[in-house]
Amino acid sequence: MLLLRACGSPPSPVASTRPVRSLASAQLALPRVLLALVALAAVMATAPSVEAAPRRAKSHAKTKAPSRAATRAAARGKAKADADEAAVAGGKVAVFAFAGEDTYSVRDHVIQALTDRGIKVDTALPPVDTAEQYRDMGAVMDVAAYVHGHVKQLPADHAVATIVIRSGVTGRKLTSATFTGFRRGLPYDVEEKLWQRLGATFRRACVAATKPRPHHNQPMVIEAGTPL
């Protein structure tokens, strides 16, 4: 007992473990603080980008908004398209007799393709000789365009049809298109593809015919002889 008192009492197990626990707690708290700081820095870094995104989207929306000039141009384009369609619907086209072999079927399908577009077709006018005569006849008869045609038989039961468009305002040739296929199916191919290939030319001719035509030569008069 005297020896224990002189040397002092041994340290208790509870008292000896307190510094170790404090050190361990400090070591665990440090990484937590670091993680919290890193998370805070990440949040602060992403905050400006989140705020800037709506601004960029707003500015992008401003550039996409149509201007008044674009709106007026679109309105003018639509009005012109409507006027062109009205000119086509009120246009008049003369279709002459086609030359070549087995021409009646092809010609009938050409007439059908034009009438489906609302065009008035005249099949009674005879062809003339010069561009000036076509021009004068177009002015008198109010013709927007003339249609000539030629059909030729080919070997192996094939055929080729050539369609020529002439202006009723100037009397000159505008364009032509060639259609080739089996003889029996060729008329239907012409009817199906005529407007796709020549519709723009018919449209321009019909629009030109709605404008005032210049006066040219006087109508041609044929003297039949001295009356009895």
C-alpha atoms as a PDB file:
ATOM      1  CA  MET A   1       0.000   0.000   0.000  1.00  0.00           C
ATOM      2  CA  LEU A   2       2.833   2.309   0.882  1.00  0.00           C
ATOM      3  CA  LEU A   3       4.503   1.509  -2.408  1.00  0.00           C
ATOM      4  CA  LEU A   4       1.353   2.243  -4.393  1.00  0.00           C
ATOM      5  CA  ARG A   5       0.859   5.521  -2.628  1.00  0.00           C
ATOM      6  CA  ALA A   6       4.449   6.577  -3.218  1.00  0.00           C
ATOM      7  CA  CYS A   7       4.368   5.805  -6.891  1.00  0.00           C
ATOM      8  CA  GLY A   8       0.889   7.031  -7.414  1.00  0.00           C
ATOM      9  CA  SER A   9      -2.159   5.194  -8.661  1.00  0.00           C
ATOM     10  CA  PRO A  10      -1.975   3.679 -12.204  1.00  0.00           C
ATOM     11  CA  PRO A  11      -3.853   5.531 -14.887  1.00  0.00           C
ATOM     12  CA  SER A  12      -7.371   4.347 -15.434  1.00  0.00           C
ATOM     13  CA  PRO A  13      -8.266   2.723 -18.780  1.00  0.00           C
ATOM     14  CA  VAL A  14     -10.955   5.338 -19.431  1.00  0.00           C
ATOM     15  CA  ALA A  15      -8.606   8.236 -18.953  1.00  0.00           C
ATOM     16  CA  SER A  16      -5.971   6.699 -21.228  1.00  0.00           C
ATOM     17  CA  THR A  17      -8.332   6.228 -24.191  1.00  0.00           C
ATOM     18  CA  ARG A  18      -9.669   9.789 -24.254  1.00  0.00           C
ATOM     19  CA  PRO A  19      -6.755  11.313 -26.225  1.00  0.00           C
ATOM     20  CA  VAL A  20      -6.915   8.493 -28.765  1.00  0.00           C
ATOM     21  CA  ARG A  21     -10.618   9.023 -29.319  1.00  0.00           C
ATOM     22  CA  SER A  22     -10.138  12.764 -29.648  1.00  0.00           C
ATOM     23  CA  LEU A  23      -7.411  12.269 -32.218  1.00  0.00           C
ATOM     24  CA  ALA A  24      -9.551   9.808 -34.207  1.00  0.00           C
ATOM     25  CA  SER A  25     -12.511  12.167 -34.126  1.00  0.00           C
ATOM     26  CA  ALA A  26     -10.328  15.003 -35.381  1.00  0.00           C
ATOM     27  CA  GLN A  27      -8.988  12.854 -38.192  1.00  0.00           C
ATOM     28  CA  LEU A  28     -12.513  11.892 -39.291  1.00  0.00           C
ATOM     29  CA  ALA A  29     -13.832  15.444 -39.061  1.00  0.00           C
ATOM     30  CA  LEU A  30     -11.142  16.850 -41.363  1.00  0.00           C
ATOM     31  CA  PRO A  31     -12.195  14.881 -44.470  1.00  0.00           C
ATOM     32  CA  ARG A  32     -15.821  15.790 -43.802  1.00  0.00           C
ATOM     33  CA  VAL A  33     -14.938  19.477 -43.759  1.00  0.00           C
ATOM     34  CA  LEU A  34     -12.969  19.098 -46.979  1.00  0.00           C
ATOM     35  CA  LEU A  35     -15.853  17.302 -48.681  1.00  0.00           C
ATOM     36  CA  ALA A  36     -18.250  20.022 -47.558  1.00  0.00           C
ATOM     37  CA  LEU A  37     -15.938  22.710 -48.982  1.00  0.00           C
ATOM     38  CA  VAL A  38     -15.599  20.860 -52.291  1.00  0.00           C
ATOM     39  CA  ALA A  39     -19.379  20.472 -52.570  1.00  0.00           C
ATOM     40  CA  LEU A  40     -19.897  24.172 -51.805  1.00  0.00           C
ATOM     41  CA  ALA A  41     -17.352  25.145 -54.444  1.00  0.00           C
ATOM     42  CA  ALA A  42     -19.091  22.931 -57.029  1.00  0.00           C
ATOM     43  CA  VAL A  43     -22.458  24.501 -56.277  1.00  0.00           C
ATOM     44  CA  MET A  44     -21.016  28.006 -56.569  1.00  0.00           C
ATOM     45  CA  ALA A  45     -19.332  27.096 -59.875  1.00  0.00           C
ATOM     46  CA  THR A  46     -22.525  25.737 -61.452  1.00  0.00           C
ATOM     47  CA  ALA A  47     -24.767  28.557 -60.281  1.00  0.00           C
ATOM     48  CA  PRO A  48     -23.641  31.146 -62.930  1.00  0.00           C
ATOM     49  CA  SER A  49     -24.047  28.655 -65.774  1.00  0.00           C
ATOM     50  CA  VAL A  50     -27.595  27.828 -64.659  1.00  0.00           C
ATOM     51  CA  GLU A  51     -28.446  31.503 -64.567  1.00  0.00           C
ATOM     52  CA  ALA A  52     -26.828  32.187 -67.946  1.00  0.00           C
ATOM     53  CA  ALA A  53     -28.700  29.400 -69.713  1.00  0.00           C
ATOM     54  CA  PRO A  54     -32.086  31.184 -69.722  1.00  0.00           C
ATOM     55  CA  ARG A  55     -30.387  34.340 -70.999  1.00  0.00           C
ATOM     56  CA  ARG A  56     -28.866  32.507 -73.958  1.00  0.00           C
ATOM     57  CA  ALA A  57     -32.164  30.806 -74.682  1.00  0.00           C
ATOM     58  CA  LYS A  58     -33.944  34.151 -74.545  1.00  0.00           C
ATOM     59  CA  SER A  59     -31.485  35.796 -76.928  1.00  0.00           C
ATOM     60  CA  HIS A  60     -31.755  32.792 -79.269  1.00  0.00           C
ATOM     61  CA  ALA A  61     -35.536  33.139 -79.258  1.00  0.00           C
ATOM     62  CA  LYS A  62     -35.199  36.797 -80.223  1.00  0.00           C
ATOM     63  CA  THR A  63     -33.127  35.964 -83.315  1.00  0.00           C
ATOM     64  CA  LYS A  64     -35.682  33.351 -84.440  1.00  0.00           C
ATOM     65  CA  ALA A  65     -38.631  35.739 -84.317  1.00  0.00           C
ATOM     66  CA  PRO A  66     -39.650  36.768 -87.882  1.00  0.00           C
ATOM     67  CA  SER A  67     -39.178  40.398 -88.733  1.00  0.00           C
ATOM     68  CA  ARG A  68     -41.777  42.635 -90.300  1.00  0.00           C
ATOM     69  CA  ALA A  69     -39.929  42.590 -93.601  1.00  0.00           C
ATOM     70  CA  ALA A  70     -39.943  38.793 -93.646  1.00  0.00           C
ATOM     71  CA  THR A  71     -43.642  38.738 -92.799  1.00  0.00           C
ATOM     72  CA  ARG A  72     -44.441  41.197 -95.597  1.00  0.00           C
ATOM     73  CA  ALA A  73     -42.308  39.200 -98.040  1.00  0.00           C
ATOM     74  CA  ALA A  74     -44.138  36.008 -97.109  1.00  0.00           C
ATOM     75  CA  ALA A  75     -47.483  37.742 -97.573  1.00  0.00           C
ATOM     76  CA  ARG A  76     -46.428  39.055-100.999  1.00  0.00           C
ATOM     77  CA  GLY A  77     -45.233  35.592-101.997  1.00  0.00           C
ATOM     78  CA  LYS A  78     -48.536  34.034-100.996  1.00  0.00           C
ATOM     79  CA  ALA A  79     -50.498  36.720-102.838  1.00  0.00           C
ATOM     80  CA  LYS A  80     -48.417  36.151-105.976  1.00  0.00           C
ATOM     81  CA  ALA A  81     -48.923  32.386-105.758  1.00  0.00           C
ATOM     82  CA  ASP A  82     -52.672  32.866-105.391  1.00  0.00           C
ATOM     83  CA  ALA A  83     -52.712  35.230-108.387  1.00  0.00           C
ATOM     84  CA  ASP A  84     -50.743  32.736-110.477  1.00  0.00           C
ATOM     85  CA  GLU A  85     -53.156  29.936-109.605  1.00  0.00           C
ATOM     86  CA  ALA A  86     -56.088  32.181-110.514  1.00  0.00           C
ATOM     87  CA  ALA A  87     -54.443  32.985-113.858  1.00  0.00           C
ATOM     88  CA  VAL A  88     -53.962  29.270-114.560  1.00  0.00           C
ATOM     89  CA  ALA A  89     -57.566  28.496-113.640  1.00  0.00           C
ATOM     90  CA  GLY A  90     -58.794  31.210-116.001  1.00  0.00           C
ATOM     91  CA  GLY A  91     -56.299  30.512-118.781  1.00  0.00           C
ATOM     92  CA  LYS A  92     -57.065  29.256-122.258  1.00  0.00           C
ATOM     93  CA  VAL A  93     -54.840  26.831-124.180  1.00  0.00           C
ATOM     94  CA  ALA A  94     -55.233  25.690-127.779  1.00  0.00           C
ATOM     95  CA  VAL A  95     -54.294  22.058-128.429  1.00  0.00           C
ATOM     96  CA  PHE A  96     -53.706  21.284-132.096  1.00  0.00           C
ATOM     97  CA  ALA A  97     -53.993  17.908-133.780  1.00  0.00           C
ATOM     98  CA  PHE A  98     -50.850  15.850-133.135  1.00  0.00           C
ATOM     99  CA  ALA A  99     -48.671  14.508-135.901  1.00  0.00           C
ATOM    100  CA  GLY A 100     -47.346  10.972-136.230  1.00  0.00           C
ATOM    101  CA  GLU A 101     -48.857   7.573-135.474  1.00  0.00           C
ATOM    102  CA  ASP A 102     -51.575   6.674-132.959  1.00  0.00           C
ATOM    103  CA  THR A 103     -51.803  10.283-131.802  1.00  0.00           C
ATOM    104  CA  TYR A 104     -55.409  10.518-130.680  1.00  0.00           C
ATOM    105  CA  SER A 105     -54.945   8.744-127.365  1.00  0.00           C
ATOM    106  CA  VAL A 106     -51.910  10.817-126.362  1.00  0.00           C
ATOM    107  CA  ARG A 107     -53.640  14.053-127.344  1.00  0.00           C
ATOM    108  CA  ASP A 108     -56.763  13.141-125.357  1.00  0.00           C
ATOM    109  CA  HIS A 109     -54.686  12.540-122.230  1.00  0.00           C
ATOM    110  CA  VAL A 110     -52.891  15.875-122.688  1.00  0.00           C
ATOM    111  CA  ILE A 111     -56.274  17.605-122.835  1.00  0.00           C
ATOM    112  CA  GLN A 112     -57.366  15.740-119.716  1.00  0.00           C
ATOM    113  CA  ALA A 113     -54.242  16.807-117.801  1.00  0.00           C
ATOM    114  CA  LEU A 114     -54.918  20.468-118.676  1.00  0.00           C
ATOM    115  CA  THR A 115     -58.615  20.428-117.829  1.00  0.00           C
ATOM    116  CA  ASP A 116     -57.831  18.826-114.476  1.00  0.00           C
ATOM    117  CA  ARG A 117     -55.971  22.047-113.655  1.00  0.00           C
ATOM    118  CA  GLY A 118     -58.985  24.174-114.554  1.00  0.00           C
ATOM    119  CA  ILE A 119     -57.541  25.356-117.875  1.00  0.00           C
ATOM    120  CA  LYS A 120     -59.957  25.983-120.747  1.00  0.00           C
ATOM    121  CA  VAL A 121     -58.888  23.927-123.771  1.00  0.00           C
ATOM    122  CA  ASP A 122     -59.724  24.908-127.355  1.00  0.00           C
ATOM    123  CA  THR A 123     -59.385  22.081-129.868  1.00  0.00           C
ATOM    124  CA  ALA A 124     -60.939  23.828-132.871  1.00  0.00           C
ATOM    125  CA  LEU A 125     -58.226  26.347-133.770  1.00  0.00           C
ATOM    126  CA  PRO A 126     -56.043  25.447-136.760  1.00  0.00           C
ATOM    127  CA  PRO A 127     -52.253  25.865-136.681  1.00  0.00           C
ATOM    128  CA  VAL A 128     -50.753  28.779-138.640  1.00  0.00           C
ATOM    129  CA  ASP A 129     -47.368  29.392-140.199  1.00  0.00           C
ATOM    130  CA  THR A 130     -45.423  32.137-138.411  1.00  0.00           C
ATOM    131  CA  ALA A 131     -44.868  33.408-134.895  1.00  0.00           C
ATOM    132  CA  GLU A 132     -46.575  36.683-135.801  1.00  0.00           C
ATOM    133  CA  GLN A 133     -49.700  34.831-136.892  1.00  0.00           C
ATOM    134  CA  TYR A 134     -49.733  32.829-133.636  1.00  0.00           C
ATOM    135  CA  ARG A 135     -49.307  36.086-131.716  1.00  0.00           C
ATOM    136  CA  ASP A 136     -52.175  37.815-133.526  1.00  0.00           C
ATOM    137  CA  MET A 137     -54.455  34.789-133.185  1.00  0.00           C
ATOM    138  CA  GLY A 138     -53.643  34.613-129.478  1.00  0.00           C
ATOM    139  CA  ALA A 139     -54.593  38.266-129.027  1.00  0.00           C
ATOM    140  CA  VAL A 140     -57.881  37.864-130.893  1.00  0.00           C
ATOM    141  CA  MET A 141     -58.878  34.519-129.347  1.00  0.00           C
ATOM    142  CA  ASP A 142     -57.409  35.271-125.882  1.00  0.00           C
ATOM    143  CA  VAL A 143     -55.116  32.216-126.007  1.00  0.00           C
ATOM    144  CA  ALA A 144     -52.368  31.908-123.403  1.00  0.00           C
ATOM    145  CA  ALA A 145     -50.470  29.026-125.015  1.00  0.00           C
ATOM    146  CA  TYR A 146     -50.517  26.594-127.914  1.00  0.00           C
ATOM    147  CA  VAL A 147     -49.712  22.884-127.686  1.00  0.00           C
ATOM    148  CA  HIS A 148     -48.211  20.920-130.565  1.00  0.00           C
ATOM    149  CA  GLY A 149     -47.489  17.209-130.404  1.00  0.00           C
ATOM    150  CA  HIS A 150     -45.773  14.419-132.305  1.00  0.00           C
ATOM    151  CA  VAL A 151     -45.925  10.683-131.586  1.00  0.00           C
ATOM    152  CA  LYS A 152     -43.498   8.163-133.082  1.00  0.00           C
ATOM    153  CA  GLN A 153     -43.602   4.395-132.812  1.00  0.00           C
ATOM    154  CA  LEU A 154     -40.395   2.618-131.734  1.00  0.00           C
ATOM    155  CA  PRO A 155     -39.271  -1.015-131.885  1.00  0.00           C
ATOM    156  CA  ALA A 156     -40.194  -3.477-129.125  1.00  0.00           C
ATOM    157  CA  ASP A 157     -43.694  -2.000-128.725  1.00  0.00           C
ATOM    158  CA  HIS A 158     -42.365   1.350-127.484  1.00  0.00           C
ATOM    159  CA  ALA A 159     -43.277   4.892-128.516  1.00  0.00           C
ATOM    160  CA  VAL A 160     -42.060   8.439-127.957  1.00  0.00           C
ATOM    161  CA  ALA A 161     -44.222  11.566-127.658  1.00  0.00           C
ATOM    162  CA  THR A 162     -42.882  15.102-128.020  1.00  0.00           C
ATOM    163  CA  ILE A 163     -44.968  17.945-126.581  1.00  0.00           C
ATOM    164  CA  VAL A 164     -44.179  21.525-127.669  1.00  0.00           C
ATOM    165  CA  ILE A 165     -45.548  24.645-125.963  1.00  0.00           C
ATOM    166  CA  ARG A 166     -45.790  27.957-127.797  1.00  0.00           C
ATOM    167  CA  SER A 167     -46.613  31.316-126.209  1.00  0.00           C
ATOM    168  CA  GLY A 168     -49.932  32.893-127.088  1.00  0.00           C
ATOM    169  CA  VAL A 169     -48.531  36.350-126.317  1.00  0.00           C
ATOM    170  CA  THR A 170     -45.354  36.305-128.429  1.00  0.00           C
ATOM    171  CA  GLY A 171     -46.150  33.383-130.721  1.00  0.00           C
ATOM    172  CA  ARG A 172     -42.704  31.882-130.101  1.00  0.00           C
ATOM    173  CA  LYS A 173     -41.789  28.432-128.886  1.00  0.00           C
ATOM    174  CA  LEU A 174     -41.312  28.269-125.121  1.00  0.00           C
ATOM    175  CA  THR A 175     -40.172  24.717-124.391  1.00  0.00           C
ATOM    176  CA  SER A 176     -40.696  21.057-125.229  1.00  0.00           C
ATOM    177  CA  ALA A 177     -40.656  17.728-123.412  1.00  0.00           C
ATOM    178  CA  THR A 178     -40.196  14.145-124.599  1.00  0.00           C
ATOM    179  CA  PHE A 179     -41.962  11.151-123.067  1.00  0.00           C
ATOM    180  CA  THR A 180     -40.875   7.591-123.850  1.00  0.00           C
ATOM    181  CA  GLY A 181     -42.455   4.310-122.797  1.00  0.00           C
ATOM    182  CA  PHE A 182     -44.515   1.335-123.842  1.00  0.00           C
ATOM    183  CA  ARG A 183     -46.975   2.201-126.576  1.00  0.00           C
ATOM    184  CA  ARG A 184     -50.089   1.317-124.565  1.00  0.00           C
ATOM    185  CA  GLY A 185     -48.974   2.966-121.365  1.00  0.00           C
ATOM    186  CA  LEU A 186     -47.466   6.099-122.924  1.00  0.00           C
ATOM    187  CA  PRO A 187     -50.711   8.174-122.961  1.00  0.00           C
ATOM    188  CA  TYR A 188     -51.171   7.599-119.224  1.00  0.00           C
ATOM    189  CA  ASP A 189     -47.525   8.490-118.534  1.00  0.00           C
ATOM    190  CA  VAL A 190     -47.982  11.738-120.452  1.00  0.00           C
ATOM    191  CA  GLU A 191     -51.112  12.626-118.484  1.00  0.00           C
ATOM    192  CA  GLU A 192     -49.444  11.839-115.153  1.00  0.00           C
ATOM    193  CA  LYS A 193     -46.159  13.666-115.788  1.00  0.00           C
ATOM    194  CA  LEU A 194     -47.239  16.539-118.066  1.00  0.00           C
ATOM    195  CA  TRP A 195     -47.836  19.100-115.321  1.00  0.00           C
ATOM    196  CA  GLN A 196     -44.802  17.976-113.367  1.00  0.00           C
ATOM    197  CA  ARG A 197     -42.508  18.684-116.319  1.00  0.00           C
ATOM    198  CA  LEU A 198     -44.336  21.521-118.102  1.00  0.00           C
ATOM    199  CA  GLY A 199     -46.558  23.035-115.412  1.00  0.00           C
ATOM    200  CA  ALA A 200     -44.194  25.951-114.727  1.00  0.00           C
ATOM    201  CA  THR A 201     -44.197  26.889-118.424  1.00  0.00           C
ATOM    202  CA  PHE A 202     -47.991  26.768-118.639  1.00  0.00           C
ATOM    203  CA  ARG A 203     -48.208  28.879-115.483  1.00  0.00           C
ATOM    204  CA  ARG A 204     -45.893  31.587-116.869  1.00  0.00           C
ATOM    205  CA  ALA A 205     -47.796  31.633-120.159  1.00  0.00           C
ATOM    206  CA  CYS A 206     -51.147  32.018-118.395  1.00  0.00           C
ATOM    207  CA  VAL A 207     -49.821  34.814-116.178  1.00  0.00           C
ATOM    208  CA  ALA A 208     -48.352  36.648-119.191  1.00  0.00           C
ATOM    209  CA  ALA A 209     -51.710  36.414-120.968  1.00  0.00           C
ATOM    210  CA  THR A 210     -53.457  38.290-118.136  1.00  0.00           C
ATOM    211  CA  LYS A 211     -51.356  41.389-118.765  1.00  0.00           C
ATOM    212  CA  PRO A 212     -52.288  43.987-121.414  1.00  0.00           C
ATOM    213  CA  ARG A 213     -50.987  42.880-124.789  1.00  0.00           C
ATOM    214  CA  PRO A 214     -49.305  45.384-127.114  1.00  0.00           C
ATOM    215  CA  HIS A 215     -51.032  46.199-130.376  1.00  0.00           C
ATOM    216  CA  HIS A 216     -49.251  44.836-133.429  1.00  0.00           C
ATOM    217  CA  ASN A 217     -50.433  44.374-136.954  1.00  0.00           C
ATOM    218  CA  GLN A 218     -54.015  44.765-137.978  1.00  0.00           C
ATOM    219  CA  PRO A 219     -55.992  41.529-138.287  1.00  0.00           C
ATOM    220  CA  MET A 220     -55.256  39.770-141.554  1.00  0.00           C
ATOM    221  CA  VAL A 221     -58.072  40.006-144.085  1.00  0.00           C
ATOM    222  CA  ILE A 222     -58.279  37.609-147.037  1.00  0.00           C
ATOM    223  CA  GLU A 223     -59.929  38.953-150.167  1.00  0.00           C
ATOM    224  CA  ALA A 224     -62.204  36.274-151.595  1.00  0.00           C
ATOM    225  CA  GLY A 225     -62.751  38.088-154.847  1.00  0.00           C
ATOM    226  CA  THR A 226     -65.190  40.611-156.289  1.00  0.00           C
ATOM    227  CA  PRO A 227     -68.758  40.056-155.126  1.00  0.00           C
ATOM    228  CA  LEU A 228     -71.184  39.159-157.888  1.00  0.00           C
END
